[in-house]
Amino acid sequence: MGGSSIAGIRAFVAILLPDDVRSALDAEIEQLRPVGRDVSWVARDNLHVTLKFLGHVAPERLDLAVSALARVAATVAGFELAIAGLGAFPSPTRPRVLWAGLTSGADAAATLARSIDRALAAHGFAREDRPFSGHVTLGRVRQPGRDERLAAALAAGARHQFGRLAVDRLALMRSELSPRGARYSITSAWPLLAAPSQGTTTAVAR
């Protein structure tokens, strides 16, 4: 997909998840809801892995980002990624962001994120100031504080498996915020080099 006519948007670069993995994660969210009463949960269709958040980007700079991301995709091989385990930032006992983790393939995802960061930095985008910590955000605590019940639920889910996927493309996403929540849409997407074949996703029961 081209980028020359893209309007200025709030944008991020992501690995998109297949339906079966998102469904498994959404089922986990439903299990967490009773103990996470003050959490803004992520809608099923919005579940993804963020590789880099760009913020609000002007049209001319977004064109540069599109070119840079296309070059990255043409030089990075696709890989398999497993989504498993639960946790929270900054810690399960005082959670702000609740997440599902990356296991097998996490190093490849981190390498991809670093390649994206370098490529975009060459066009004036800010470099990340901390190491990449790949995850799928499940929810955000509205009023962070100690919550023993939620911490226990996260610990109980430390070994839960949510599925595997073939990471075979990069996506530049548009984020539109409203009182009803965020709406994400694909602005541009590129296949990765030597990407795995389609149809290899496997969701794993809790």
C-alpha atoms as a PDB file:
ATOM      1  CA  MET A   1       0.000   0.000   0.000  1.00  0.00           C
ATOM      2  CA  GLY A   2       1.358   3.410  -0.821  1.00  0.00           C
ATOM      3  CA  GLY A   3       1.859   6.353   1.492  1.00  0.00           C
ATOM      4  CA  SER A   4       2.016   9.479  -0.686  1.00  0.00           C
ATOM      5  CA  SER A   5      -1.545  10.579   0.028  1.00  0.00           C
ATOM      6  CA  ILE A   6      -1.701   9.735   3.740  1.00  0.00           C
ATOM      7  CA  ALA A   7      -3.046  12.535   5.938  1.00  0.00           C
ATOM      8  CA  GLY A   8      -1.407  13.469   9.232  1.00  0.00           C
ATOM      9  CA  ILE A   9      -2.325  10.826  11.801  1.00  0.00           C
ATOM     10  CA  ARG A  10      -1.619   9.417  15.246  1.00  0.00           C
ATOM     11  CA  ALA A  11       0.409   6.412  14.205  1.00  0.00           C
ATOM     12  CA  PHE A  12       2.246   3.330  15.422  1.00  0.00           C
ATOM     13  CA  VAL A  13       4.009   0.346  13.870  1.00  0.00           C
ATOM     14  CA  ALA A  14       2.634  -3.053  14.829  1.00  0.00           C
ATOM     15  CA  ILE A  15       2.561  -6.801  14.461  1.00  0.00           C
ATOM     16  CA  LEU A  16      -1.075  -7.690  13.881  1.00  0.00           C
ATOM     17  CA  LEU A  17      -2.547 -10.806  15.500  1.00  0.00           C
ATOM     18  CA  PRO A  18      -4.764 -13.402  13.810  1.00  0.00           C
ATOM     19  CA  ASP A  19      -8.342 -13.955  14.918  1.00  0.00           C
ATOM     20  CA  ASP A  20      -7.654 -17.108  16.903  1.00  0.00           C
ATOM     21  CA  VAL A  21      -4.927 -15.516  19.010  1.00  0.00           C
ATOM     22  CA  ARG A  22      -7.026 -12.400  19.638  1.00  0.00           C
ATOM     23  CA  SER A  23      -9.944 -14.608  20.664  1.00  0.00           C
ATOM     24  CA  ALA A  24      -7.746 -16.497  23.147  1.00  0.00           C
ATOM     25  CA  LEU A  25      -6.517 -13.210  24.623  1.00  0.00           C
ATOM     26  CA  ASP A  26     -10.036 -11.830  24.775  1.00  0.00           C
ATOM     27  CA  ALA A  27     -11.155 -14.930  26.676  1.00  0.00           C
ATOM     28  CA  GLU A  28      -8.375 -14.250  29.178  1.00  0.00           C
ATOM     29  CA  ILE A  29      -9.547 -10.662  29.551  1.00  0.00           C
ATOM     30  CA  GLU A  30     -13.023 -11.941  30.398  1.00  0.00           C
ATOM     31  CA  GLN A  31     -11.501 -14.109  33.129  1.00  0.00           C
ATOM     32  CA  LEU A  32      -9.646 -11.091  34.547  1.00  0.00           C
ATOM     33  CA  ARG A  33     -12.584  -8.668  34.507  1.00  0.00           C
ATOM     34  CA  PRO A  34     -14.054  -9.705  37.886  1.00  0.00           C
ATOM     35  CA  VAL A  35     -10.751  -8.955  39.671  1.00  0.00           C
ATOM     36  CA  GLY A  36      -9.785  -5.950  37.528  1.00  0.00           C
ATOM     37  CA  ARG A  37     -12.736  -3.701  38.211  1.00  0.00           C
ATOM     38  CA  ASP A  38     -10.892  -0.419  37.648  1.00  0.00           C
ATOM     39  CA  VAL A  39      -9.267  -1.417  34.361  1.00  0.00           C
ATOM     40  CA  SER A  40      -9.847  -0.025  30.878  1.00  0.00           C
ATOM     41  CA  TRP A  41      -9.695  -3.242  28.857  1.00  0.00           C
ATOM     42  CA  VAL A  42      -8.512  -3.350  25.254  1.00  0.00           C
ATOM     43  CA  ALA A  43     -11.168  -4.360  22.728  1.00  0.00           C
ATOM     44  CA  ARG A  44     -10.597  -7.706  21.036  1.00  0.00           C
ATOM     45  CA  ASP A  45     -10.104  -6.175  17.586  1.00  0.00           C
ATOM     46  CA  ASN A  46      -7.453  -3.762  18.946  1.00  0.00           C
ATOM     47  CA  LEU A  47      -5.116  -6.395  20.401  1.00  0.00           C
ATOM     48  CA  HIS A  48      -1.666  -6.210  18.768  1.00  0.00           C
ATOM     49  CA  VAL A  49       2.078  -5.984  19.426  1.00  0.00           C
ATOM     50  CA  THR A  50       3.408  -2.429  19.175  1.00  0.00           C
ATOM     51  CA  LEU A  51       6.877  -2.224  17.637  1.00  0.00           C
ATOM     52  CA  LYS A  52       7.121   1.571  17.755  1.00  0.00           C
ATOM     53  CA  PHE A  53       4.740   4.389  18.661  1.00  0.00           C
ATOM     54  CA  LEU A  54       5.163   7.443  16.453  1.00  0.00           C
ATOM     55  CA  GLY A  55       2.604   9.818  17.965  1.00  0.00           C
ATOM     56  CA  HIS A  56       1.052  12.514  15.800  1.00  0.00           C
ATOM     57  CA  VAL A  57       2.870  12.640  12.463  1.00  0.00           C
ATOM     58  CA  ALA A  58       2.571  15.331   9.776  1.00  0.00           C
ATOM     59  CA  PRO A  59       1.874  14.139   6.195  1.00  0.00           C
ATOM     60  CA  GLU A  60       5.337  14.866   4.844  1.00  0.00           C
ATOM     61  CA  ARG A  61       7.021  13.045   7.737  1.00  0.00           C
ATOM     62  CA  LEU A  62       4.642  10.130   7.446  1.00  0.00           C
ATOM     63  CA  ASP A  63       5.738   9.685   3.829  1.00  0.00           C
ATOM     64  CA  LEU A  64       9.328   9.365   5.112  1.00  0.00           C
ATOM     65  CA  ALA A  65       8.217   6.805   7.673  1.00  0.00           C
ATOM     66  CA  VAL A  66       6.439   4.781   4.991  1.00  0.00           C
ATOM     67  CA  SER A  67       9.612   4.673   2.869  1.00  0.00           C
ATOM     68  CA  ALA A  68      11.768   3.708   5.846  1.00  0.00           C
ATOM     69  CA  LEU A  69       9.424   0.932   6.942  1.00  0.00           C
ATOM     70  CA  ALA A  70       9.234  -0.474   3.415  1.00  0.00           C
ATOM     71  CA  ARG A  71      13.040  -0.733   3.393  1.00  0.00           C
ATOM     72  CA  VAL A  72      13.080  -2.493   6.757  1.00  0.00           C
ATOM     73  CA  ALA A  73      10.457  -5.018   5.634  1.00  0.00           C
ATOM     74  CA  ALA A  74      12.483  -5.805   2.516  1.00  0.00           C
ATOM     75  CA  THR A  75      15.542  -6.785   4.581  1.00  0.00           C
ATOM     76  CA  VAL A  76      14.094  -8.563   7.659  1.00  0.00           C
ATOM     77  CA  ALA A  77      12.974 -12.192   7.519  1.00  0.00           C
ATOM     78  CA  GLY A  78       9.618 -13.277   8.846  1.00  0.00           C
ATOM     79  CA  PHE A  79       9.513 -15.426  11.992  1.00  0.00           C
ATOM     80  CA  GLU A  80       7.281 -17.421  14.307  1.00  0.00           C
ATOM     81  CA  LEU A  81       6.023 -15.754  17.488  1.00  0.00           C
ATOM     82  CA  ALA A  82       4.328 -17.249  20.545  1.00  0.00           C
ATOM     83  CA  ILE A  83       2.063 -15.241  22.854  1.00  0.00           C
ATOM     84  CA  ALA A  84       2.076 -16.562  26.422  1.00  0.00           C
ATOM     85  CA  GLY A  85       1.980 -15.541  30.067  1.00  0.00           C
ATOM     86  CA  LEU A  86       0.556 -12.566  31.924  1.00  0.00           C
ATOM     87  CA  GLY A  87       2.265  -9.669  33.669  1.00  0.00           C
ATOM     88  CA  ALA A  88       2.090  -5.953  34.352  1.00  0.00           C
ATOM     89  CA  PHE A  89       4.145  -2.789  34.149  1.00  0.00           C
ATOM     90  CA  PRO A  90       5.752  -1.613  36.348  1.00  0.00           C
ATOM     91  CA  SER A  91       4.998  -4.705  38.460  1.00  0.00           C
ATOM     92  CA  PRO A  92       2.115  -7.132  39.095  1.00  0.00           C
ATOM     93  CA  THR A  93       1.684  -5.819  42.649  1.00  0.00           C
ATOM     94  CA  ARG A  94       1.299  -2.197  41.498  1.00  0.00           C
ATOM     95  CA  PRO A  95       0.056  -2.592  37.941  1.00  0.00           C
ATOM     96  CA  ARG A  96      -0.503   0.196  35.450  1.00  0.00           C
ATOM     97  CA  VAL A  97      -0.492  -1.781  32.199  1.00  0.00           C
ATOM     98  CA  LEU A  98      -1.624  -5.398  32.065  1.00  0.00           C
ATOM     99  CA  TRP A  99      -0.085  -7.518  29.342  1.00  0.00           C
ATOM    100  CA  ALA A 100       0.371 -10.885  27.692  1.00  0.00           C
ATOM    101  CA  GLY A 101       3.980 -11.676  26.912  1.00  0.00           C
ATOM    102  CA  LEU A 102       6.027 -12.881  23.966  1.00  0.00           C
ATOM    103  CA  THR A 103       7.994 -16.108  24.359  1.00  0.00           C
ATOM    104  CA  SER A 104       9.350 -18.003  21.350  1.00  0.00           C
ATOM    105  CA  GLY A 105      10.258 -15.398  18.738  1.00  0.00           C
ATOM    106  CA  ALA A 106      10.603 -12.562  21.267  1.00  0.00           C
ATOM    107  CA  ASP A 107      14.251 -11.974  20.298  1.00  0.00           C
ATOM    108  CA  ALA A 108      13.318 -11.720  16.617  1.00  0.00           C
ATOM    109  CA  ALA A 109      10.579  -9.224  17.490  1.00  0.00           C
ATOM    110  CA  ALA A 110      13.092  -7.164  19.473  1.00  0.00           C
ATOM    111  CA  THR A 111      15.529  -7.218  16.552  1.00  0.00           C
ATOM    112  CA  LEU A 112      12.759  -6.054  14.226  1.00  0.00           C
ATOM    113  CA  ALA A 113      11.818  -3.249  16.622  1.00  0.00           C
ATOM    114  CA  ARG A 114      15.439  -2.076  16.792  1.00  0.00           C
ATOM    115  CA  SER A 115      15.689  -2.078  12.982  1.00  0.00           C
ATOM    116  CA  ILE A 116      12.548   0.043  12.777  1.00  0.00           C
ATOM    117  CA  ASP A 117      13.865   2.419  15.429  1.00  0.00           C
ATOM    118  CA  ARG A 118      17.157   2.916  13.562  1.00  0.00           C
ATOM    119  CA  ALA A 119      15.486   3.394  10.186  1.00  0.00           C
ATOM    120  CA  LEU A 120      13.052   5.995  11.509  1.00  0.00           C
ATOM    121  CA  ALA A 121      15.740   7.802  13.515  1.00  0.00           C
ATOM    122  CA  ALA A 122      17.529   8.478  10.214  1.00  0.00           C
ATOM    123  CA  HIS A 123      14.492  10.596   9.281  1.00  0.00           C
ATOM    124  CA  GLY A 124      14.335  12.527  12.537  1.00  0.00           C
ATOM    125  CA  PHE A 125      11.978  10.356  14.565  1.00  0.00           C
ATOM    126  CA  ALA A 126      12.939  10.110  18.227  1.00  0.00           C
ATOM    127  CA  ARG A 127      14.905   7.034  19.272  1.00  0.00           C
ATOM    128  CA  GLU A 128      13.505   4.792  21.984  1.00  0.00           C
ATOM    129  CA  ASP A 129      15.035   5.561  25.370  1.00  0.00           C
ATOM    130  CA  ARG A 130      14.578   2.067  26.804  1.00  0.00           C
ATOM    131  CA  PRO A 131      15.038  -1.493  25.522  1.00  0.00           C
ATOM    132  CA  PHE A 132      12.156  -3.036  23.622  1.00  0.00           C
ATOM    133  CA  SER A 133       9.887  -5.122  25.850  1.00  0.00           C
ATOM    134  CA  GLY A 134       7.497  -6.933  23.537  1.00  0.00           C
ATOM    135  CA  HIS A 135       3.979  -7.535  24.800  1.00  0.00           C
ATOM    136  CA  VAL A 136       0.289  -7.338  23.973  1.00  0.00           C
ATOM    137  CA  THR A 137      -1.466  -4.712  26.104  1.00  0.00           C
ATOM    138  CA  LEU A 138      -4.647  -6.168  27.608  1.00  0.00           C
ATOM    139  CA  GLY A 139      -5.745  -3.283  29.808  1.00  0.00           C
ATOM    140  CA  ARG A 140      -4.727  -0.124  31.647  1.00  0.00           C
ATOM    141  CA  VAL A 141      -5.469   0.455  35.321  1.00  0.00           C
ATOM    142  CA  ARG A 142      -7.308   3.750  35.761  1.00  0.00           C
ATOM    143  CA  GLN A 143      -6.114   4.409  39.317  1.00  0.00           C
ATOM    144  CA  PRO A 144      -2.928   2.413  39.858  1.00  0.00           C
ATOM    145  CA  GLY A 145      -2.206   1.052  43.327  1.00  0.00           C
ATOM    146  CA  ARG A 146      -1.610  -2.179  45.197  1.00  0.00           C
ATOM    147  CA  ASP A 147      -4.162  -4.821  44.203  1.00  0.00           C
ATOM    148  CA  GLU A 148      -3.523  -8.242  45.693  1.00  0.00           C
ATOM    149  CA  ARG A 149      -6.416  -9.957  43.908  1.00  0.00           C
ATOM    150  CA  LEU A 150      -5.293  -8.752  40.503  1.00  0.00           C
ATOM    151  CA  ALA A 151      -1.668  -9.630  41.278  1.00  0.00           C
ATOM    152  CA  ALA A 152      -2.749 -13.160  42.193  1.00  0.00           C
ATOM    153  CA  ALA A 153      -4.754 -13.492  38.968  1.00  0.00           C
ATOM    154  CA  LEU A 154      -1.751 -12.387  36.912  1.00  0.00           C
ATOM    155  CA  ALA A 155       0.487 -14.859  38.725  1.00  0.00           C
ATOM    156  CA  ALA A 156      -2.029 -17.642  38.062  1.00  0.00           C
ATOM    157  CA  GLY A 157      -1.869 -16.818  34.342  1.00  0.00           C
ATOM    158  CA  ALA A 158       1.924 -16.813  34.116  1.00  0.00           C
ATOM    159  CA  ARG A 159       1.929 -20.070  32.124  1.00  0.00           C
ATOM    160  CA  HIS A 160      -1.180 -19.531  30.029  1.00  0.00           C
ATOM    161  CA  GLN A 161      -0.633 -20.046  26.289  1.00  0.00           C
ATOM    162  CA  PHE A 162      -2.523 -17.881  23.796  1.00  0.00           C
ATOM    163  CA  GLY A 163      -1.214 -19.161  20.501  1.00  0.00           C
ATOM    164  CA  ARG A 164       1.468 -18.838  17.842  1.00  0.00           C
ATOM    165  CA  LEU A 165       1.545 -16.860  14.634  1.00  0.00           C
ATOM    166  CA  ALA A 166       3.682 -16.378  11.572  1.00  0.00           C
ATOM    167  CA  VAL A 167       4.922 -12.784  11.621  1.00  0.00           C
ATOM    168  CA  ASP A 168       4.996 -12.131   7.901  1.00  0.00           C
ATOM    169  CA  ARG A 169       4.363  -8.397   7.600  1.00  0.00           C
ATOM    170  CA  LEU A 170       4.730  -4.985   9.207  1.00  0.00           C
ATOM    171  CA  ALA A 171       1.763  -2.664   9.557  1.00  0.00           C
ATOM    172  CA  LEU A 172       1.644   1.093   9.988  1.00  0.00           C
ATOM    173  CA  MET A 173      -1.496   1.759  11.982  1.00  0.00           C
ATOM    174  CA  ARG A 174      -3.721   4.781  12.444  1.00  0.00           C
ATOM    175  CA  SER A 175      -5.191   5.401  15.888  1.00  0.00           C
ATOM    176  CA  GLU A 176      -8.329   7.506  16.224  1.00  0.00           C
ATOM    177  CA  LEU A 177      -9.435   8.317  19.767  1.00  0.00           C
ATOM    178  CA  SER A 178     -13.033   8.953  20.789  1.00  0.00           C
ATOM    179  CA  PRO A 179     -15.186   8.776  23.941  1.00  0.00           C
ATOM    180  CA  ARG A 180     -16.117   5.237  22.856  1.00  0.00           C
ATOM    181  CA  GLY A 181     -12.476   4.164  22.784  1.00  0.00           C
ATOM    182  CA  ALA A 182      -9.690   3.864  20.247  1.00  0.00           C
ATOM    183  CA  ARG A 183     -10.252   2.733  16.682  1.00  0.00           C
ATOM    184  CA  TYR A 184      -7.285   1.291  14.779  1.00  0.00           C
ATOM    185  CA  SER A 185      -6.973   0.913  11.035  1.00  0.00           C
ATOM    186  CA  ILE A 186      -4.177  -0.163   8.700  1.00  0.00           C
ATOM    187  CA  THR A 187      -2.591   2.714   6.824  1.00  0.00           C
ATOM    188  CA  SER A 188       0.173   0.760   5.076  1.00  0.00           C
ATOM    189  CA  ALA A 189       1.520  -2.778   5.287  1.00  0.00           C
ATOM    190  CA  TRP A 190       4.524  -4.610   3.845  1.00  0.00           C
ATOM    191  CA  PRO A 191       5.451  -8.305   3.630  1.00  0.00           C
ATOM    192  CA  LEU A 192       8.642  -9.311   5.399  1.00  0.00           C
ATOM    193  CA  LEU A 193      11.496 -10.963   3.539  1.00  0.00           C
ATOM    194  CA  ALA A 194      11.152 -14.737   3.242  1.00  0.00           C
ATOM    195  CA  ALA A 195       8.038 -14.630   5.411  1.00  0.00           C
ATOM    196  CA  PRO A 196       6.596 -17.930   6.696  1.00  0.00           C
ATOM    197  CA  SER A 197       3.725 -19.360   4.724  1.00  0.00           C
ATOM    198  CA  GLN A 198       0.181 -18.306   5.559  1.00  0.00           C
ATOM    199  CA  GLY A 199      -2.135 -20.476   7.599  1.00  0.00           C
ATOM    200  CA  THR A 200       0.287 -21.598  10.337  1.00  0.00           C
ATOM    201  CA  THR A 201      -1.389 -19.937  13.305  1.00  0.00           C
ATOM    202  CA  THR A 202      -2.394 -22.097  16.222  1.00  0.00           C
ATOM    203  CA  ALA A 203      -4.403 -20.929  19.201  1.00  0.00           C
ATOM    204  CA  VAL A 204      -3.785 -22.781  22.437  1.00  0.00           C
ATOM    205  CA  ALA A 205      -6.428 -23.264  25.104  1.00  0.00           C
ATOM    206  CA  ARG A 206      -5.907 -21.793  28.547  1.00  0.00           C
END
